[in-house]
Protein backbone atom coordinates (compact mmCIF):
# COMPACT_ATOMS: atom_id res chain seq x y z
CA MET A 1 -33.03 38.86 1.82
CA HIS A 2 -29.92 36.61 0.78
CA LEU A 3 -26.63 38.74 -0.43
CA PRO A 4 -24.32 37.21 -3.48
CA SER A 5 -21.52 35.10 -1.84
CA ASN A 6 -19.16 37.65 -2.95
CA PRO A 7 -20.45 40.98 -3.42
CA TYR A 8 -16.90 42.37 -4.42
CA HIS A 9 -16.43 40.16 -7.11
CA ILE A 10 -16.23 42.91 -9.72
CA PHE A 11 -13.70 44.56 -7.84
CA GLU A 12 -11.34 41.47 -7.87
CA VAL A 13 -11.90 41.06 -11.73
CA TYR A 14 -11.08 45.07 -12.24
CA GLN A 15 -7.88 44.39 -9.74
CA SER A 16 -7.00 41.20 -11.99
CA THR A 17 -6.67 43.23 -14.99
CA GLU A 18 -4.80 46.25 -13.18
CA ILE A 19 -1.86 45.58 -15.09
CA TYR A 20 -3.40 46.74 -18.18
CA PHE A 21 -4.34 49.91 -17.46
CA ARG A 22 -2.30 51.07 -14.08
CA GLY A 23 0.91 49.74 -15.96
CA LYS A 24 -0.51 51.27 -19.73
CA GLN A 25 0.68 47.86 -20.91
CA LEU A 26 -2.57 47.52 -22.73
CA ARG A 27 -3.04 51.04 -24.28
CA PRO A 28 -0.65 53.99 -23.64
CA ALA A 29 -2.15 57.40 -23.64
CA GLN A 30 -1.53 58.10 -27.65
CA ASN A 31 -2.65 54.37 -28.32
CA ARG A 32 -5.77 55.29 -26.30
CA ARG A 33 -6.55 58.67 -28.61
CA ALA A 34 -5.68 56.86 -31.85
CA TYR A 35 -7.87 54.01 -30.22
CA ARG A 36 -10.79 56.51 -30.01
CA LYS A 37 -10.02 58.14 -32.92
CA ARG A 38 -10.30 54.53 -34.86
CA THR A 39 -13.49 53.76 -33.28
CA GLY A 40 -15.42 56.74 -33.50
CA ARG A 41 -18.99 57.67 -34.31
CA HIS A 42 -18.26 57.61 -38.04
CA LEU A 43 -17.50 54.19 -39.19
CA SER A 44 -15.28 53.41 -42.05
CA LYS A 45 -13.88 50.26 -43.96
CA ASP A 46 -10.37 51.92 -42.68
CA GLY A 47 -11.56 52.50 -39.40
CA ILE A 48 -12.08 49.00 -38.36
CA HIS A 49 -9.12 46.32 -37.84
CA THR A 50 -9.30 42.61 -37.81
CA PRO A 51 -9.64 41.06 -34.17
CA ALA A 52 -6.57 39.29 -33.31
CA THR A 53 -9.25 36.19 -32.96
CA HIS A 54 -10.18 36.26 -36.42
CA PRO A 55 -6.85 36.76 -38.53
CA SER A 56 -7.94 34.89 -41.47
CA ALA A 57 -10.66 37.48 -42.79
CA LEU A 58 -10.97 41.00 -42.67
CA SER A 59 -13.81 42.36 -40.07
CA PHE A 60 -15.80 45.23 -39.61
CA VAL A 61 -16.45 44.13 -36.18
CA PRO A 62 -14.07 46.34 -33.42
CA ALA A 63 -11.98 44.05 -31.39
CA LEU A 64 -12.28 43.89 -27.65
CA SER A 65 -9.37 44.57 -25.21
CA PRO A 66 -8.73 41.74 -22.41
CA ALA A 67 -9.74 44.19 -19.94
CA ILE A 68 -13.22 44.80 -21.14
CA ILE A 69 -13.58 41.02 -22.03
CA ALA A 70 -12.49 40.65 -18.41
CA HIS A 71 -15.25 42.91 -17.11
CA ALA A 72 -18.00 41.29 -19.62
CA THR A 73 -17.35 37.64 -18.36
CA ALA A 74 -16.98 38.62 -14.16
CA PRO A 75 -18.99 36.27 -12.51
CA LEU A 76 -22.89 37.66 -12.04
CA PRO A 77 -24.63 37.60 -8.64
CA THR A 78 -26.62 34.47 -7.52
CA SER A 79 -29.07 36.21 -5.30
CA PRO A 80 -32.66 35.90 -5.05
CA LEU A 81 -32.74 39.36 -5.93
CA PHE A 82 -30.79 39.41 -9.08
CA SER A 83 -32.31 36.25 -10.41
CA GLU A 84 -36.02 38.41 -9.97
CA ALA A 85 -34.51 41.28 -11.40
CA ALA A 86 -33.18 39.19 -14.39
CA GLN A 87 -36.85 37.53 -15.12
CA SER A 88 -39.02 40.57 -14.48
CA ALA A 89 -39.47 43.58 -13.08
CA ASP A 90 -42.83 42.73 -11.71
CA GLY A 91 -42.42 43.10 -7.83
CA LEU A 92 -39.50 45.11 -7.68
CA ASP A 93 -39.19 48.75 -7.42
CA GLU A 94 -36.97 49.74 -10.16
CA SER A 95 -38.00 53.63 -9.92
CA GLU A 96 -34.48 54.52 -8.71
CA LEU A 97 -32.37 52.53 -11.16
CA PRO A 98 -32.41 54.61 -14.03
CA ARG A 99 -30.43 57.30 -12.39
CA TRP A 100 -27.29 54.18 -11.62
CA GLU A 101 -27.28 53.52 -15.59
CA GLU A 102 -26.03 57.21 -16.19
CA GLU A 103 -22.53 57.50 -16.98
CA PRO A 104 -19.92 57.65 -13.87
CA PRO A 105 -18.29 58.98 -12.21
CA TYR A 106 -21.16 59.74 -9.79
CA THR A 107 -20.78 62.68 -7.14
CA ASP A 108 -23.84 61.49 -4.99
CA THR A 109 -23.05 61.79 -1.27
CA GLU A 110 -21.98 58.64 0.64
CA PRO A 111 -24.25 57.14 2.93
CA ASP A 112 -23.24 56.37 6.39
CA SER A 113 -21.19 53.08 7.17
CA THR A 114 -23.71 50.93 8.53
CA PRO A 115 -24.73 47.13 8.36
CA GLN A 116 -28.05 48.29 6.65
CA GLU A 117 -26.31 50.86 4.21
CA GLU A 118 -24.14 48.38 3.12
CA GLN A 119 -26.82 45.65 2.45
CA PHE A 120 -28.86 48.07 0.65
CA THR A 121 -25.88 48.95 -1.78
CA CYS A 122 -25.34 44.80 -2.25
CA ASN A 123 -29.16 44.69 -3.08
CA LEU A 124 -28.91 47.72 -5.57
CA PHE A 125 -25.52 46.29 -7.38
CA ASP A 126 -27.57 43.14 -7.47
CA VAL A 127 -30.65 44.07 -8.90
CA MET A 128 -28.85 46.63 -11.39
CA LEU A 129 -27.15 43.62 -12.85
CA GLY A 130 -30.53 41.81 -13.04
CA ARG A 131 -32.32 44.42 -14.91
CA ARG A 132 -29.56 44.89 -17.40
CA VAL A 133 -29.45 41.07 -18.23
CA ARG A 134 -33.37 41.24 -18.68
CA LEU A 135 -32.92 44.36 -20.75
CA ALA A 136 -30.20 42.72 -23.01
CA LYS A 137 -32.35 39.39 -23.47
CA GLU A 138 -35.29 41.45 -24.59
CA ALA A 139 -33.16 43.60 -26.73
CA LYS A 140 -31.49 40.57 -27.94
CA ALA A 141 -35.28 38.80 -28.94
CA GLN A 142 -36.19 41.86 -30.66
CA ARG A 143 -33.19 41.28 -32.93
CA ARG A 144 -33.92 37.51 -33.35
CA ARG A 145 -37.51 38.82 -34.65
CA ARG A 146 -36.08 41.35 -37.17
CA LEU A 147 -33.50 38.80 -38.85
CA GLU A 148 -36.65 36.36 -39.12
CA SER A 149 -38.10 39.60 -41.16
CA GLY A 150 -35.03 39.56 -43.21
CA ASP A 151 -33.37 42.51 -41.72
CA HIS A 152 -29.76 40.87 -41.50
CA VAL A 153 -27.92 43.56 -43.28
CA THR A 154 -29.26 46.60 -41.12
CA ILE A 155 -29.08 44.57 -38.21
CA LEU A 156 -25.36 44.12 -38.86
CA THR A 157 -24.84 47.72 -39.53
CA GLU A 158 -26.60 48.98 -36.23
CA LEU A 159 -24.60 46.38 -34.21
CA VAL A 160 -21.37 47.54 -35.33
CA SER A 161 -22.08 51.11 -35.32
CA THR A 162 -23.52 50.90 -31.58
CA ILE A 163 -20.55 48.63 -30.54
CA THR A 164 -18.02 51.30 -31.80
CA GLU A 165 -19.64 54.20 -30.07
CA ARG A 166 -20.20 52.19 -26.54
CA LEU A 167 -16.83 51.42 -26.82
CA VAL A 168 -15.25 54.78 -26.69
CA ARG A 169 -17.67 55.61 -23.89
CA TRP A 170 -16.47 52.71 -21.62
CA SER A 171 -12.98 53.52 -22.12
CA ASP A 172 -13.84 57.41 -21.46
CA VAL A 173 -15.48 56.06 -18.10
CA TYR A 174 -12.80 53.81 -16.99
CA ASP A 175 -10.34 56.33 -17.66
CA LYS A 176 -12.49 58.75 -15.03
CA VAL A 177 -13.21 55.93 -12.72
CA GLU A 178 -9.76 53.69 -12.75
CA ASP A 179 -8.75 54.88 -9.19
CA CYS A 180 -12.48 54.91 -7.62
CA LEU A 181 -11.37 51.47 -5.38
CA SER A 182 -12.70 52.85 -1.88
CA GLY A 183 -15.48 50.32 -1.92
CA GLY A 184 -18.18 53.16 -1.56
CA ARG A 185 -21.56 53.02 -3.12
CA LYS A 186 -21.11 55.41 -5.96
CA ASP A 187 -17.39 53.66 -6.55
CA ARG A 188 -19.20 50.36 -6.72
CA MET A 189 -22.14 51.21 -8.65
CA ALA A 190 -19.40 52.73 -11.06
CA MET A 191 -17.68 49.21 -11.38
CA CYS A 192 -21.47 47.86 -11.95
CA TRP A 193 -22.01 50.05 -14.93
CA LEU A 194 -18.89 49.01 -16.25
CA GLN A 195 -19.56 45.36 -16.01
CA TRP A 196 -22.84 45.47 -17.56
CA GLN A 197 -21.87 47.80 -20.42
CA ALA A 198 -18.93 45.68 -20.94
CA ARG A 199 -21.48 42.56 -20.66
CA ASP A 200 -23.89 44.32 -23.37
CA ILE A 201 -20.60 45.17 -25.72
CA TYR A 202 -19.33 41.60 -25.52
CA VAL A 203 -22.83 39.99 -26.65
CA MET A 204 -23.41 42.28 -29.43
CA VAL A 205 -19.75 41.61 -30.88
CA ARG A 206 -20.39 37.96 -30.65
CA GLU A 207 -23.60 38.13 -32.61
CA ALA A 208 -22.14 40.66 -35.03
CA LEU A 209 -19.15 38.25 -35.77
CA GLU A 210 -21.78 35.43 -36.60
CA LEU A 211 -24.07 37.73 -38.49
CA GLU A 212 -21.16 38.93 -40.76
CA GLN A 213 -20.40 35.31 -41.39
CA GLY A 214 -23.45 34.54 -42.36
CA GLY A 215 -24.70 32.64 -39.54
CA ASN A 216 -27.59 32.99 -37.06
CA PRO A 217 -26.76 34.06 -33.69
CA TYR A 218 -30.27 33.79 -32.22
CA LYS A 219 -30.94 30.19 -32.71
CA ASN A 220 -30.61 29.83 -29.01
CA ASN A 221 -31.66 33.20 -27.67
CA SER A 222 -29.88 33.17 -24.41
CA THR A 223 -27.37 35.99 -23.55
């Protein structure tokens, strides 16, 4: 099987955004607590600030940090395994993947450092991202069908609520795994989790912003 040209791409992106976290320039501890309080499960008008990229109008859609955007826009694998998983679950054994969809940190015992295990980890990374791209497209297609049935307000409300909750989860997980850069399987899969979660959030934010402005983000149903 072909492996992606750079299976460590997410670590490079992670390190490129290091200044926002290790230097605490993005969100000091007290600001991080305020962020979680502001974006808690119960959504209110006062609890959502106007995104810096949309200063001209009040928005109920939470703004995204540069770090989460960097994870969301990190290059996806180019391997055949990724492409196959992104298109269909047919022909692939995805029985072990739900285990890696759970929140990190993972406590699994690291496998022996052998070429075979390294290849398995690279394949696992690619298939997981492919699966999540496929599931995100299916969820988006479902929202498109609901919008065609006139469910505009409900879709927007659900998106904002989901974005808010998942932003808090993403931040909490990042705090727990920010020093996990050993390159072992469980650490690399934690980075995989951060990437696909950030990608899901990023896509939903774009949808919500367009819906909020009265547009239709599903004219071209691509993720």
